[in-house]
N, C-alpha and C. Protein backbone atom coordinates (compact mmCIF):
# COMPACT_ATOMS: atom_id res chain seq x y z
N ALA A 1 0.93 -1.15 0.02
CA ALA A 1 -0.04 0.04 -0.09
C ALA A 1 0.74 1.21 0.03
N GLN A 2 0.55 2.16 -0.71
CA GLN A 2 1.15 3.50 -0.83
C GLN A 2 0.85 4.38 0.30
N ASP A 3 1.76 5.11 0.81
CA ASP A 3 1.50 6.16 1.85
C ASP A 3 1.12 7.44 1.21
N LEU A 4 0.05 7.48 0.56
CA LEU A 4 -0.31 8.73 -0.24
C LEU A 4 -1.79 8.90 0.32
N PRO A 5 -2.25 10.23 0.33
CA PRO A 5 -3.58 10.54 0.50
C PRO A 5 -4.54 9.77 -0.40
N ASP A 6 -5.75 9.53 -0.09
CA ASP A 6 -6.72 8.73 -1.01
C ASP A 6 -6.73 9.51 -2.37
N SER A 7 -6.75 10.88 -2.41
CA SER A 7 -6.87 11.70 -3.62
C SER A 7 -5.63 11.39 -4.62
N ARG A 8 -4.50 10.95 -4.04
CA ARG A 8 -3.23 10.78 -4.72
C ARG A 8 -2.97 9.41 -5.10
N ARG A 9 -3.78 8.38 -4.53
CA ARG A 9 -3.47 7.11 -4.96
C ARG A 9 -4.15 6.71 -6.22
N ARG A 10 -3.61 5.92 -7.03
CA ARG A 10 -4.23 5.31 -8.23
C ARG A 10 -5.34 4.42 -7.86
N ARG A 11 -6.43 4.62 -8.48
CA ARG A 11 -7.50 3.80 -8.35
C ARG A 11 -7.54 2.56 -9.08
N ARG A 12 -8.12 1.59 -8.73
CA ARG A 12 -8.17 0.22 -9.30
C ARG A 12 -8.74 0.55 -10.75
N ARG A 13 -8.15 0.04 -11.85
CA ARG A 13 -8.80 0.23 -13.06
C ARG A 13 -10.00 -0.69 -13.36
N GLU A 14 -11.00 -0.01 -13.98
CA GLU A 14 -12.09 -0.81 -14.39
C GLU A 14 -11.77 -1.78 -15.74
N PRO A 15 -12.58 -2.49 -16.10
CA PRO A 15 -12.26 -3.35 -17.29
C PRO A 15 -12.06 -2.42 -18.52
N ASP A 16 -11.02 -2.76 -19.22
CA ASP A 16 -10.73 -1.73 -20.39
C ASP A 16 -11.68 -1.80 -21.34
N VAL A 17 -12.04 -0.45 -21.88
CA VAL A 17 -12.91 -0.38 -23.04
C VAL A 17 -11.79 -0.21 -24.23
N PRO A 18 -12.03 -0.70 -25.31
CA PRO A 18 -10.98 -0.55 -26.42
C PRO A 18 -10.88 0.94 -26.70
N PRO A 19 -9.67 1.38 -26.83
CA PRO A 19 -9.25 2.71 -26.99
C PRO A 19 -9.71 3.12 -28.50
N PRO A 20 -9.84 4.40 -28.59
CA PRO A 20 -9.91 5.00 -30.07
C PRO A 20 -8.83 4.35 -30.83
N ALA A 21 -9.03 4.29 -32.13
CA ALA A 21 -8.11 3.49 -33.04
C ALA A 21 -6.97 4.44 -33.38
N SER A 22 -7.01 5.82 -33.35
CA SER A 22 -5.92 6.68 -33.66
C SER A 22 -5.90 7.90 -32.92
N ILE A 23 -4.80 8.66 -32.96
CA ILE A 23 -4.70 10.00 -32.39
C ILE A 23 -5.69 10.72 -32.69
N ALA A 24 -6.21 10.93 -33.82
CA ALA A 24 -7.45 11.78 -34.27
C ALA A 24 -8.50 11.28 -33.54
N ASP A 25 -8.94 10.00 -33.33
CA ASP A 25 -9.92 9.53 -32.60
C ASP A 25 -9.80 9.84 -31.13
N ALA A 26 -8.76 9.72 -30.55
CA ALA A 26 -8.35 10.14 -29.06
C ALA A 26 -8.70 11.58 -28.89
N SER A 27 -8.23 12.48 -29.84
CA SER A 27 -8.64 13.88 -29.78
C SER A 27 -10.06 14.03 -29.69
N LEU A 28 -10.72 13.39 -30.85
CA LEU A 28 -12.15 13.49 -30.84
C LEU A 28 -12.80 12.96 -29.44
N ALA A 29 -12.27 11.96 -28.91
CA ALA A 29 -12.87 11.49 -27.70
C ALA A 29 -12.64 12.46 -26.61
N GLY A 30 -11.64 13.09 -26.51
CA GLY A 30 -11.41 14.12 -25.55
C GLY A 30 -12.34 15.43 -25.61
N THR A 31 -12.55 15.67 -26.85
CA THR A 31 -13.42 16.84 -27.22
C THR A 31 -14.98 16.39 -26.68
N ILE A 32 -15.27 15.02 -27.01
CA ILE A 32 -16.59 14.68 -26.69
C ILE A 32 -16.81 14.44 -25.24
N VAL A 33 -15.76 14.05 -24.50
CA VAL A 33 -15.81 13.91 -23.02
C VAL A 33 -16.08 15.12 -22.50
N HIS A 34 -15.34 16.31 -22.90
CA HIS A 34 -15.50 17.64 -22.38
C HIS A 34 -16.88 18.19 -22.71
N ASP A 35 -17.49 17.96 -23.84
CA ASP A 35 -18.86 18.42 -24.31
C ASP A 35 -19.69 17.82 -23.30
N VAL A 36 -19.70 16.45 -23.04
CA VAL A 36 -20.70 15.69 -22.19
C VAL A 36 -20.58 16.23 -20.73
N LEU A 37 -19.33 16.48 -20.35
CA LEU A 37 -19.16 16.93 -18.89
C LEU A 37 -19.73 18.47 -18.77
N GLU A 38 -19.67 19.16 -19.73
CA GLU A 38 -20.26 20.53 -19.71
C GLU A 38 -21.81 20.30 -19.65
N GLN A 39 -22.35 19.43 -20.24
CA GLN A 39 -23.87 19.26 -20.14
C GLN A 39 -24.37 18.46 -19.08
N TRP A 40 -23.49 17.78 -18.37
CA TRP A 40 -23.91 16.64 -17.22
C TRP A 40 -24.43 17.30 -16.15
N TYR A 41 -25.37 16.98 -15.57
CA TYR A 41 -25.83 17.24 -14.27
C TYR A 41 -26.23 15.84 -13.58
N ALA A 42 -26.40 15.95 -12.12
CA ALA A 42 -26.80 14.62 -11.56
C ALA A 42 -28.17 14.20 -12.17
N ASN A 43 -28.06 12.92 -12.25
CA ASN A 43 -29.22 12.12 -12.93
C ASN A 43 -29.34 12.22 -14.45
N SER A 44 -28.30 12.92 -15.16
CA SER A 44 -28.29 12.91 -16.48
C SER A 44 -28.29 11.65 -17.15
N ASP A 45 -28.89 11.57 -18.32
CA ASP A 45 -28.61 10.16 -19.14
C ASP A 45 -27.38 10.38 -19.87
N VAL A 46 -26.37 9.70 -19.36
CA VAL A 46 -25.07 9.90 -20.01
C VAL A 46 -25.12 9.54 -21.37
N GLY A 47 -25.88 8.27 -21.62
CA GLY A 47 -25.77 7.81 -23.00
C GLY A 47 -26.36 8.70 -24.04
N ALA A 48 -27.45 9.49 -23.67
CA ALA A 48 -28.06 10.47 -24.57
C ALA A 48 -27.26 11.63 -24.70
N LEU A 49 -26.53 12.08 -23.64
CA LEU A 49 -25.46 13.22 -23.87
C LEU A 49 -24.31 12.73 -24.79
N VAL A 50 -23.91 11.53 -24.69
CA VAL A 50 -22.80 11.05 -25.47
C VAL A 50 -23.21 11.05 -26.85
N ASP A 51 -24.44 10.39 -27.12
CA ASP A 51 -24.99 10.49 -28.51
C ASP A 51 -25.23 11.75 -29.16
N ALA A 52 -25.68 12.72 -28.35
CA ALA A 52 -25.78 14.09 -28.74
C ALA A 52 -24.34 14.80 -29.13
N ALA A 53 -23.41 14.56 -28.27
CA ALA A 53 -22.08 15.09 -28.57
C ALA A 53 -21.47 14.36 -29.79
N LEU A 54 -21.66 13.11 -29.91
CA LEU A 54 -21.05 12.37 -31.13
C LEU A 54 -21.72 13.04 -32.33
N ALA A 55 -22.95 13.20 -32.30
CA ALA A 55 -23.70 13.88 -33.57
C ALA A 55 -23.03 15.11 -33.82
N ARG A 56 -22.74 16.10 -32.81
CA ARG A 56 -22.20 17.42 -33.01
C ARG A 56 -20.86 17.38 -33.53
N HIS A 57 -20.03 16.50 -32.99
CA HIS A 57 -18.50 16.41 -33.22
C HIS A 57 -18.05 15.30 -34.17
N ALA A 58 -18.83 14.38 -34.47
CA ALA A 58 -18.42 13.21 -35.30
C ALA A 58 -19.32 13.12 -36.51
N GLY A 59 -20.51 13.56 -36.45
CA GLY A 59 -21.45 13.49 -37.54
C GLY A 59 -21.48 12.04 -37.95
N GLY A 60 -21.32 11.66 -39.22
CA GLY A 60 -21.28 10.32 -39.72
C GLY A 60 -19.88 9.85 -40.22
N GLU A 61 -18.92 10.46 -39.55
CA GLU A 61 -17.60 10.22 -39.88
C GLU A 61 -16.99 8.78 -39.75
N GLN A 62 -17.50 8.20 -38.76
CA GLN A 62 -17.03 6.98 -38.22
C GLN A 62 -17.95 5.65 -38.73
N ASP A 63 -17.36 4.52 -39.12
CA ASP A 63 -18.22 3.47 -39.37
C ASP A 63 -18.85 3.00 -38.13
N THR A 64 -19.80 2.02 -38.16
CA THR A 64 -20.54 1.68 -36.98
C THR A 64 -19.56 1.01 -35.96
N THR A 65 -18.64 0.35 -36.32
CA THR A 65 -17.74 -0.23 -35.33
C THR A 65 -16.95 0.83 -34.60
N GLU A 66 -16.34 1.69 -35.34
CA GLU A 66 -15.65 2.79 -34.84
C GLU A 66 -16.55 3.70 -33.92
N ARG A 67 -17.79 3.90 -34.31
CA ARG A 67 -18.67 4.86 -33.57
C ARG A 67 -19.01 4.07 -32.21
N LEU A 68 -19.22 2.86 -32.28
CA LEU A 68 -19.63 2.12 -31.05
C LEU A 68 -18.42 2.00 -30.24
N GLN A 69 -17.18 1.86 -30.66
CA GLN A 69 -15.99 2.01 -29.93
C GLN A 69 -15.81 3.41 -29.22
N LEU A 70 -15.83 4.36 -29.90
CA LEU A 70 -15.81 5.67 -29.48
C LEU A 70 -16.85 5.94 -28.52
N ARG A 71 -18.06 5.68 -28.64
CA ARG A 71 -19.15 5.79 -27.73
C ARG A 71 -18.94 5.11 -26.44
N GLY A 72 -18.36 3.80 -26.48
CA GLY A 72 -18.11 3.08 -25.28
C GLY A 72 -17.02 3.71 -24.53
N ALA A 73 -15.88 4.02 -25.10
CA ALA A 73 -14.70 4.78 -24.47
C ALA A 73 -15.06 6.05 -23.79
N VAL A 74 -15.76 6.80 -24.46
CA VAL A 74 -16.35 8.25 -24.01
C VAL A 74 -17.33 7.98 -22.80
N SER A 75 -18.17 7.08 -23.01
CA SER A 75 -19.23 6.80 -21.93
C SER A 75 -18.47 6.30 -20.56
N ALA A 76 -17.41 5.50 -20.82
CA ALA A 76 -16.73 4.99 -19.65
C ALA A 76 -15.84 6.13 -18.96
N LEU A 77 -15.29 6.84 -19.63
CA LEU A 77 -14.42 7.95 -19.12
C LEU A 77 -15.39 8.98 -18.45
N VAL A 78 -16.44 9.30 -18.92
CA VAL A 78 -17.42 10.25 -18.37
C VAL A 78 -17.97 9.54 -17.08
N ALA A 79 -18.28 8.30 -17.11
CA ALA A 79 -18.89 7.73 -15.92
C ALA A 79 -17.85 7.73 -14.86
N ARG A 80 -16.51 7.60 -15.16
CA ARG A 80 -15.45 7.66 -14.13
C ARG A 80 -15.41 8.90 -13.55
N VAL A 81 -15.35 9.95 -14.25
CA VAL A 81 -15.21 11.45 -13.97
C VAL A 81 -16.44 11.72 -12.96
N VAL A 82 -17.59 11.62 -13.45
CA VAL A 82 -18.74 12.04 -12.60
C VAL A 82 -18.83 11.12 -11.37
N ALA A 83 -18.33 10.06 -11.27
CA ALA A 83 -18.54 9.37 -10.03
C ALA A 83 -17.27 9.54 -9.15
N HIS A 84 -16.27 10.40 -9.58
CA HIS A 84 -15.20 10.59 -8.74
C HIS A 84 -15.46 11.46 -7.57
N PRO A 85 -14.82 11.25 -6.48
CA PRO A 85 -15.35 12.02 -5.25
C PRO A 85 -14.83 13.49 -5.53
N ARG A 86 -13.75 13.71 -6.15
CA ARG A 86 -13.28 15.09 -6.18
C ARG A 86 -14.06 15.93 -7.19
N TRP A 87 -14.52 15.30 -8.22
CA TRP A 87 -15.38 15.96 -9.15
C TRP A 87 -16.75 16.24 -8.54
N GLN A 88 -17.25 15.30 -7.78
CA GLN A 88 -18.57 15.59 -7.02
C GLN A 88 -18.42 16.68 -6.22
N SER A 89 -17.32 16.65 -5.30
CA SER A 89 -17.30 17.78 -4.22
C SER A 89 -17.05 19.29 -4.92
N ILE A 90 -16.62 19.24 -6.15
CA ILE A 90 -16.63 20.66 -6.83
C ILE A 90 -17.85 20.81 -7.48
N ALA A 91 -18.36 19.73 -8.24
CA ALA A 91 -19.56 20.13 -9.21
C ALA A 91 -20.78 20.29 -8.47
N ASP A 92 -20.77 19.85 -7.11
CA ASP A 92 -21.95 19.96 -6.32
C ASP A 92 -22.13 21.49 -5.63
N GLY A 93 -21.10 22.20 -5.74
CA GLY A 93 -20.98 23.52 -5.18
C GLY A 93 -22.06 24.42 -5.79
N PRO A 94 -22.69 25.34 -4.91
CA PRO A 94 -23.78 26.21 -5.51
C PRO A 94 -23.11 27.13 -6.52
N VAL A 95 -22.03 27.43 -6.61
CA VAL A 95 -21.40 28.23 -7.67
C VAL A 95 -20.53 27.63 -8.65
N ALA A 96 -20.61 26.48 -8.72
CA ALA A 96 -19.82 25.66 -9.83
C ALA A 96 -20.16 26.00 -11.19
N ARG A 97 -19.10 26.05 -12.05
CA ARG A 97 -19.33 26.31 -13.39
C ARG A 97 -18.52 25.34 -14.07
N ARG A 98 -18.98 24.85 -15.29
CA ARG A 98 -18.24 24.02 -16.10
C ARG A 98 -17.91 24.81 -17.51
N GLU A 99 -16.68 24.41 -17.95
CA GLU A 99 -16.31 24.85 -19.29
C GLU A 99 -16.38 26.36 -19.39
N LEU A 100 -15.83 27.10 -18.31
CA LEU A 100 -15.94 28.60 -18.21
C LEU A 100 -14.76 29.21 -19.17
N CYS A 101 -15.15 29.72 -20.31
CA CYS A 101 -14.30 30.16 -21.17
C CYS A 101 -13.64 31.61 -20.71
N PHE A 102 -12.39 31.82 -21.08
CA PHE A 102 -11.68 32.94 -20.88
C PHE A 102 -10.69 33.31 -22.10
N THR A 103 -10.41 34.67 -22.02
CA THR A 103 -9.30 35.13 -23.02
C THR A 103 -8.58 36.06 -22.04
N ARG A 104 -7.24 35.85 -21.98
CA ARG A 104 -6.27 36.56 -21.22
C ARG A 104 -5.58 37.39 -22.22
N VAL A 105 -5.41 38.65 -21.97
CA VAL A 105 -4.55 39.42 -22.94
C VAL A 105 -3.26 39.73 -22.23
N LEU A 106 -2.14 39.48 -22.86
CA LEU A 106 -0.90 39.57 -22.32
C LEU A 106 -0.39 40.96 -22.50
N PRO A 107 0.61 41.39 -21.77
CA PRO A 107 1.19 42.68 -22.05
C PRO A 107 1.69 42.99 -23.29
N ASP A 108 2.11 42.02 -24.10
CA ASP A 108 2.51 42.32 -25.46
C ASP A 108 1.44 42.42 -26.51
N GLY A 109 0.24 42.07 -26.09
CA GLY A 109 -0.87 42.20 -26.84
C GLY A 109 -1.48 40.75 -27.41
N THR A 110 -0.74 39.81 -27.29
CA THR A 110 -1.09 38.53 -27.63
C THR A 110 -2.16 37.88 -26.61
N THR A 111 -2.89 36.97 -27.14
CA THR A 111 -3.99 36.37 -26.19
C THR A 111 -3.77 34.91 -25.94
N VAL A 112 -4.27 34.55 -24.87
CA VAL A 112 -4.21 33.11 -24.37
C VAL A 112 -5.74 32.85 -24.13
N GLU A 113 -6.35 31.83 -24.81
CA GLU A 113 -7.67 31.46 -24.58
C GLU A 113 -7.72 29.99 -24.07
N GLY A 114 -8.76 29.72 -23.27
CA GLY A 114 -8.90 28.45 -22.59
C GLY A 114 -10.25 28.36 -22.06
N ALA A 115 -10.45 27.23 -21.47
CA ALA A 115 -11.75 26.89 -20.76
C ALA A 115 -11.44 26.23 -19.49
N LEU A 116 -11.98 26.63 -18.24
CA LEU A 116 -11.85 25.90 -17.01
C LEU A 116 -12.86 24.97 -17.04
N ASP A 117 -12.55 23.60 -17.01
CA ASP A 117 -13.21 22.44 -16.96
C ASP A 117 -14.40 22.57 -16.08
N LEU A 118 -13.91 22.80 -14.67
CA LEU A 118 -14.86 22.67 -13.60
C LEU A 118 -14.29 23.73 -12.54
N VAL A 119 -14.83 24.67 -12.03
CA VAL A 119 -14.45 25.69 -11.15
C VAL A 119 -15.53 26.09 -10.15
N THR A 120 -15.19 26.30 -8.90
CA THR A 120 -15.99 26.77 -7.79
C THR A 120 -15.21 27.48 -6.88
N VAL A 121 -15.96 27.86 -5.81
CA VAL A 121 -15.27 28.32 -4.57
C VAL A 121 -15.56 27.39 -3.41
N LEU A 122 -14.47 27.02 -2.88
CA LEU A 122 -14.61 26.13 -1.64
C LEU A 122 -13.68 26.63 -0.52
N ASP A 123 -14.22 26.83 0.59
CA ASP A 123 -13.45 27.41 1.89
C ASP A 123 -12.57 28.65 1.49
N GLY A 124 -13.33 29.52 0.75
CA GLY A 124 -12.67 30.85 0.41
C GLY A 124 -11.65 30.75 -0.73
N GLU A 125 -11.42 29.61 -1.41
CA GLU A 125 -10.45 29.47 -2.49
C GLU A 125 -11.19 29.23 -3.81
N THR A 126 -10.68 29.65 -4.86
CA THR A 126 -11.24 29.20 -6.21
C THR A 126 -10.50 27.92 -6.54
N VAL A 127 -11.29 26.88 -6.80
CA VAL A 127 -10.67 25.66 -7.14
C VAL A 127 -11.15 25.28 -8.51
N ILE A 128 -10.03 24.94 -9.37
CA ILE A 128 -10.15 24.57 -10.70
C ILE A 128 -9.67 23.10 -10.85
N LEU A 129 -10.75 22.36 -11.42
CA LEU A 129 -10.38 20.95 -11.78
C LEU A 129 -10.35 20.74 -13.20
N ASP A 130 -9.35 20.36 -13.75
CA ASP A 130 -9.06 20.12 -15.17
C ASP A 130 -9.07 18.58 -15.39
N VAL A 131 -9.94 18.10 -16.34
CA VAL A 131 -9.99 16.76 -16.63
C VAL A 131 -9.09 16.35 -17.74
N LYS A 132 -8.41 15.40 -17.62
CA LYS A 132 -7.39 15.00 -18.74
C LYS A 132 -8.00 13.53 -19.09
N SER A 133 -8.29 13.41 -20.47
CA SER A 133 -9.02 12.22 -20.90
C SER A 133 -8.03 11.28 -21.77
N GLY A 134 -6.85 11.67 -21.74
CA GLY A 134 -5.95 10.95 -22.63
C GLY A 134 -5.37 9.68 -21.78
N THR A 135 -4.33 9.16 -22.35
CA THR A 135 -3.60 7.90 -21.66
C THR A 135 -3.02 8.22 -20.36
N ALA A 136 -3.19 7.24 -19.39
CA ALA A 136 -2.87 7.59 -18.10
C ALA A 136 -1.42 7.80 -18.10
N LYS A 137 -0.96 8.91 -17.10
CA LYS A 137 0.38 9.10 -16.91
C LYS A 137 0.59 9.27 -15.49
N ASP A 138 1.95 9.21 -14.97
CA ASP A 138 2.15 9.24 -13.69
C ASP A 138 2.14 10.74 -13.11
N ALA A 139 2.10 11.07 -11.83
CA ALA A 139 1.80 12.39 -11.42
C ALA A 139 2.91 13.30 -11.72
N ALA A 140 4.18 12.85 -11.75
CA ALA A 140 5.29 13.76 -12.26
C ALA A 140 5.24 14.14 -13.51
N THR A 141 4.86 13.25 -14.37
CA THR A 141 4.75 13.64 -15.88
C THR A 141 3.58 14.59 -16.05
N LEU A 142 2.45 14.26 -15.39
CA LEU A 142 1.39 15.28 -15.48
C LEU A 142 1.69 16.63 -14.95
N ALA A 143 2.35 16.55 -13.79
CA ALA A 143 2.84 17.98 -13.29
C ALA A 143 3.82 18.64 -14.16
N THR A 144 4.59 18.02 -14.86
CA THR A 144 5.56 18.79 -15.81
C THR A 144 4.85 19.03 -17.04
N THR A 145 4.15 18.20 -17.48
CA THR A 145 3.30 18.42 -18.79
C THR A 145 2.38 19.68 -18.82
N TYR A 146 1.75 19.76 -17.64
CA TYR A 146 0.68 20.78 -17.43
C TYR A 146 0.89 21.93 -16.46
N ALA A 147 2.25 22.04 -16.11
CA ALA A 147 2.64 23.24 -15.26
C ALA A 147 2.31 24.49 -15.89
N LEU A 148 2.52 24.75 -17.08
CA LEU A 148 2.20 26.19 -17.63
C LEU A 148 0.83 26.37 -17.67
N GLN A 149 -0.02 25.36 -18.14
CA GLN A 149 -1.52 25.41 -18.10
C GLN A 149 -1.98 25.79 -16.56
N ALA A 150 -1.46 25.00 -15.70
CA ALA A 150 -1.82 25.40 -14.19
C ALA A 150 -1.56 26.64 -13.81
N ALA A 151 -0.33 27.21 -14.08
CA ALA A 151 -0.12 28.55 -13.75
C ALA A 151 -0.88 29.71 -14.42
N THR A 152 -1.18 29.47 -15.87
CA THR A 152 -1.88 30.23 -16.51
C THR A 152 -3.36 30.32 -15.86
N TYR A 153 -3.97 29.27 -15.69
CA TYR A 153 -5.31 29.12 -15.28
C TYR A 153 -5.51 29.64 -13.80
N ARG A 154 -4.46 29.45 -12.97
CA ARG A 154 -4.52 30.01 -11.62
C ARG A 154 -4.41 31.69 -11.67
N GLU A 155 -3.62 31.97 -12.69
CA GLU A 155 -3.44 33.51 -12.90
C GLU A 155 -4.70 34.15 -13.40
N VAL A 156 -5.47 33.57 -14.18
CA VAL A 156 -6.64 33.89 -14.83
C VAL A 156 -7.69 34.09 -13.73
N ALA A 157 -7.84 32.87 -12.96
CA ALA A 157 -8.93 32.69 -11.91
C ALA A 157 -8.68 33.79 -10.83
N THR A 158 -7.29 34.02 -10.48
CA THR A 158 -7.16 35.11 -9.51
C THR A 158 -7.58 36.58 -10.01
N ALA A 159 -7.22 36.65 -11.31
CA ALA A 159 -7.51 38.15 -12.06
C ALA A 159 -9.07 38.22 -11.95
N ILE A 160 -9.88 37.10 -12.21
CA ILE A 160 -11.24 37.21 -12.26
C ILE A 160 -11.85 37.48 -10.93
N ALA A 161 -11.30 36.62 -9.97
CA ALA A 161 -11.93 36.63 -8.46
C ALA A 161 -11.20 37.66 -7.66
N GLY A 162 -10.29 38.48 -8.03
CA GLY A 162 -9.66 39.43 -7.18
C GLY A 162 -8.42 38.77 -6.54
N GLU A 163 -8.28 39.00 -5.29
CA GLU A 163 -7.05 38.32 -4.64
C GLU A 163 -7.47 36.96 -4.03
N ARG A 164 -8.56 36.39 -4.33
CA ARG A 164 -8.79 35.02 -3.58
C ARG A 164 -7.75 33.97 -4.32
N ARG A 165 -7.21 33.28 -3.40
CA ARG A 165 -6.14 32.32 -3.84
C ARG A 165 -6.90 31.24 -4.74
N ALA A 166 -6.19 30.84 -5.89
CA ALA A 166 -6.74 29.84 -6.84
C ALA A 166 -5.92 28.60 -6.68
N ARG A 167 -6.55 27.41 -6.68
CA ARG A 167 -5.93 26.12 -6.68
C ARG A 167 -6.29 25.47 -8.03
N PHE A 168 -5.24 24.71 -8.60
CA PHE A 168 -5.45 24.00 -9.88
C PHE A 168 -5.24 22.50 -9.55
N GLU A 169 -6.09 21.74 -10.02
CA GLU A 169 -5.79 20.28 -9.81
C GLU A 169 -6.30 19.63 -11.13
N LEU A 170 -5.49 18.36 -11.51
CA LEU A 170 -5.82 17.58 -12.68
C LEU A 170 -6.53 16.47 -12.12
N LEU A 171 -7.59 15.96 -12.97
CA LEU A 171 -8.24 14.75 -12.69
C LEU A 171 -8.02 13.91 -13.95
N GLN A 172 -7.31 12.79 -13.89
CA GLN A 172 -7.09 12.00 -14.97
C GLN A 172 -8.19 10.99 -14.98
N ALA A 173 -8.92 11.09 -16.03
CA ALA A 173 -10.13 10.33 -16.29
C ALA A 173 -9.84 8.82 -16.21
N GLU A 174 -8.86 8.26 -16.87
CA GLU A 174 -8.75 6.79 -17.08
C GLU A 174 -8.46 6.09 -15.95
N ASP A 175 -7.77 6.71 -14.77
CA ASP A 175 -7.58 5.98 -13.62
C ASP A 175 -8.01 6.76 -12.31
N GLY A 176 -8.43 7.95 -12.36
CA GLY A 176 -8.90 8.73 -11.35
C GLY A 176 -7.93 9.42 -10.50
N LEU A 177 -6.59 9.37 -10.96
CA LEU A 177 -5.56 10.13 -10.26
C LEU A 177 -5.85 11.66 -10.22
N VAL A 178 -5.71 12.23 -8.99
CA VAL A 178 -5.78 13.70 -8.85
C VAL A 178 -4.53 14.23 -8.51
N VAL A 179 -4.00 15.13 -9.29
CA VAL A 179 -2.73 15.69 -9.02
C VAL A 179 -2.86 17.34 -8.86
N PRO A 180 -2.66 17.74 -7.67
CA PRO A 180 -2.76 19.22 -7.47
C PRO A 180 -1.48 19.91 -7.98
N LEU A 181 -1.62 21.06 -8.52
CA LEU A 181 -0.50 21.75 -9.14
C LEU A 181 -0.79 23.15 -8.70
N ASP A 182 -0.54 23.31 -7.30
CA ASP A 182 -0.70 24.60 -6.68
C ASP A 182 0.50 25.55 -6.66
N THR A 183 1.58 24.87 -6.70
CA THR A 183 2.83 25.74 -6.66
C THR A 183 3.71 25.32 -7.81
N LEU A 184 4.29 26.27 -8.28
CA LEU A 184 5.10 26.38 -9.53
C LEU A 184 6.19 27.29 -9.32
N SER A 185 7.38 26.75 -9.16
CA SER A 185 8.62 27.56 -8.89
C SER A 185 8.97 28.25 -10.20
N SER A 186 9.67 29.38 -10.04
CA SER A 186 10.05 30.16 -11.24
C SER A 186 11.16 29.39 -12.03
N ALA A 187 11.86 28.47 -11.19
CA ALA A 187 12.78 27.66 -12.02
C ALA A 187 12.21 26.62 -12.93
N MET A 188 11.05 26.22 -12.36
CA MET A 188 10.28 25.25 -13.22
C MET A 188 9.75 26.01 -14.57
N LEU A 189 9.24 27.22 -14.22
CA LEU A 189 8.59 27.90 -15.56
C LEU A 189 9.72 28.17 -16.54
N ASP A 190 10.95 28.42 -16.02
CA ASP A 190 12.10 28.65 -16.84
C ASP A 190 12.50 27.46 -17.71
N THR A 191 12.15 26.25 -17.31
CA THR A 191 12.45 25.02 -18.02
C THR A 191 11.18 24.70 -19.07
N ILE A 192 10.06 25.27 -19.08
CA ILE A 192 8.93 24.84 -19.84
C ILE A 192 9.10 25.69 -21.10
């Protein structure tokens, strides 16, 4: 047994759903997962939400086998996310928002656009939960890969909410791993 808090332990994997056949399909699956999560509320019919998102994003592009495979993979990922205790603790908040879009104008005039997957205020802090739907990675790889996104999203949330502290966490859909990315040293930013 690992000596990690429950939120940091890898959860036991459910039976595998065949993954999308290509990188393009994996990207499409991620888009559909986020679309469904934006629409999802307690007691939602996940199957109907997945079908509607498939129609919006995939149209008739896949043959029946590929479409069923994609539908199964997306449904499994969404089910894991919405059943996750961390997702539930944030999504159930009275001020929780999903897919909150933003545009940040940098001093040189360039812009950074994004969407906060799930955000709320808990115990006086802005909490951002970002869902990653790709292949599972370890906590250190996730922290390195998404450090700049975490810093940007925290900065944006702080600018929107005033001086309220912002916390950024990743939720890996495939295995339920939660990785908080609250601190980012300037040395780490220089390596990105």
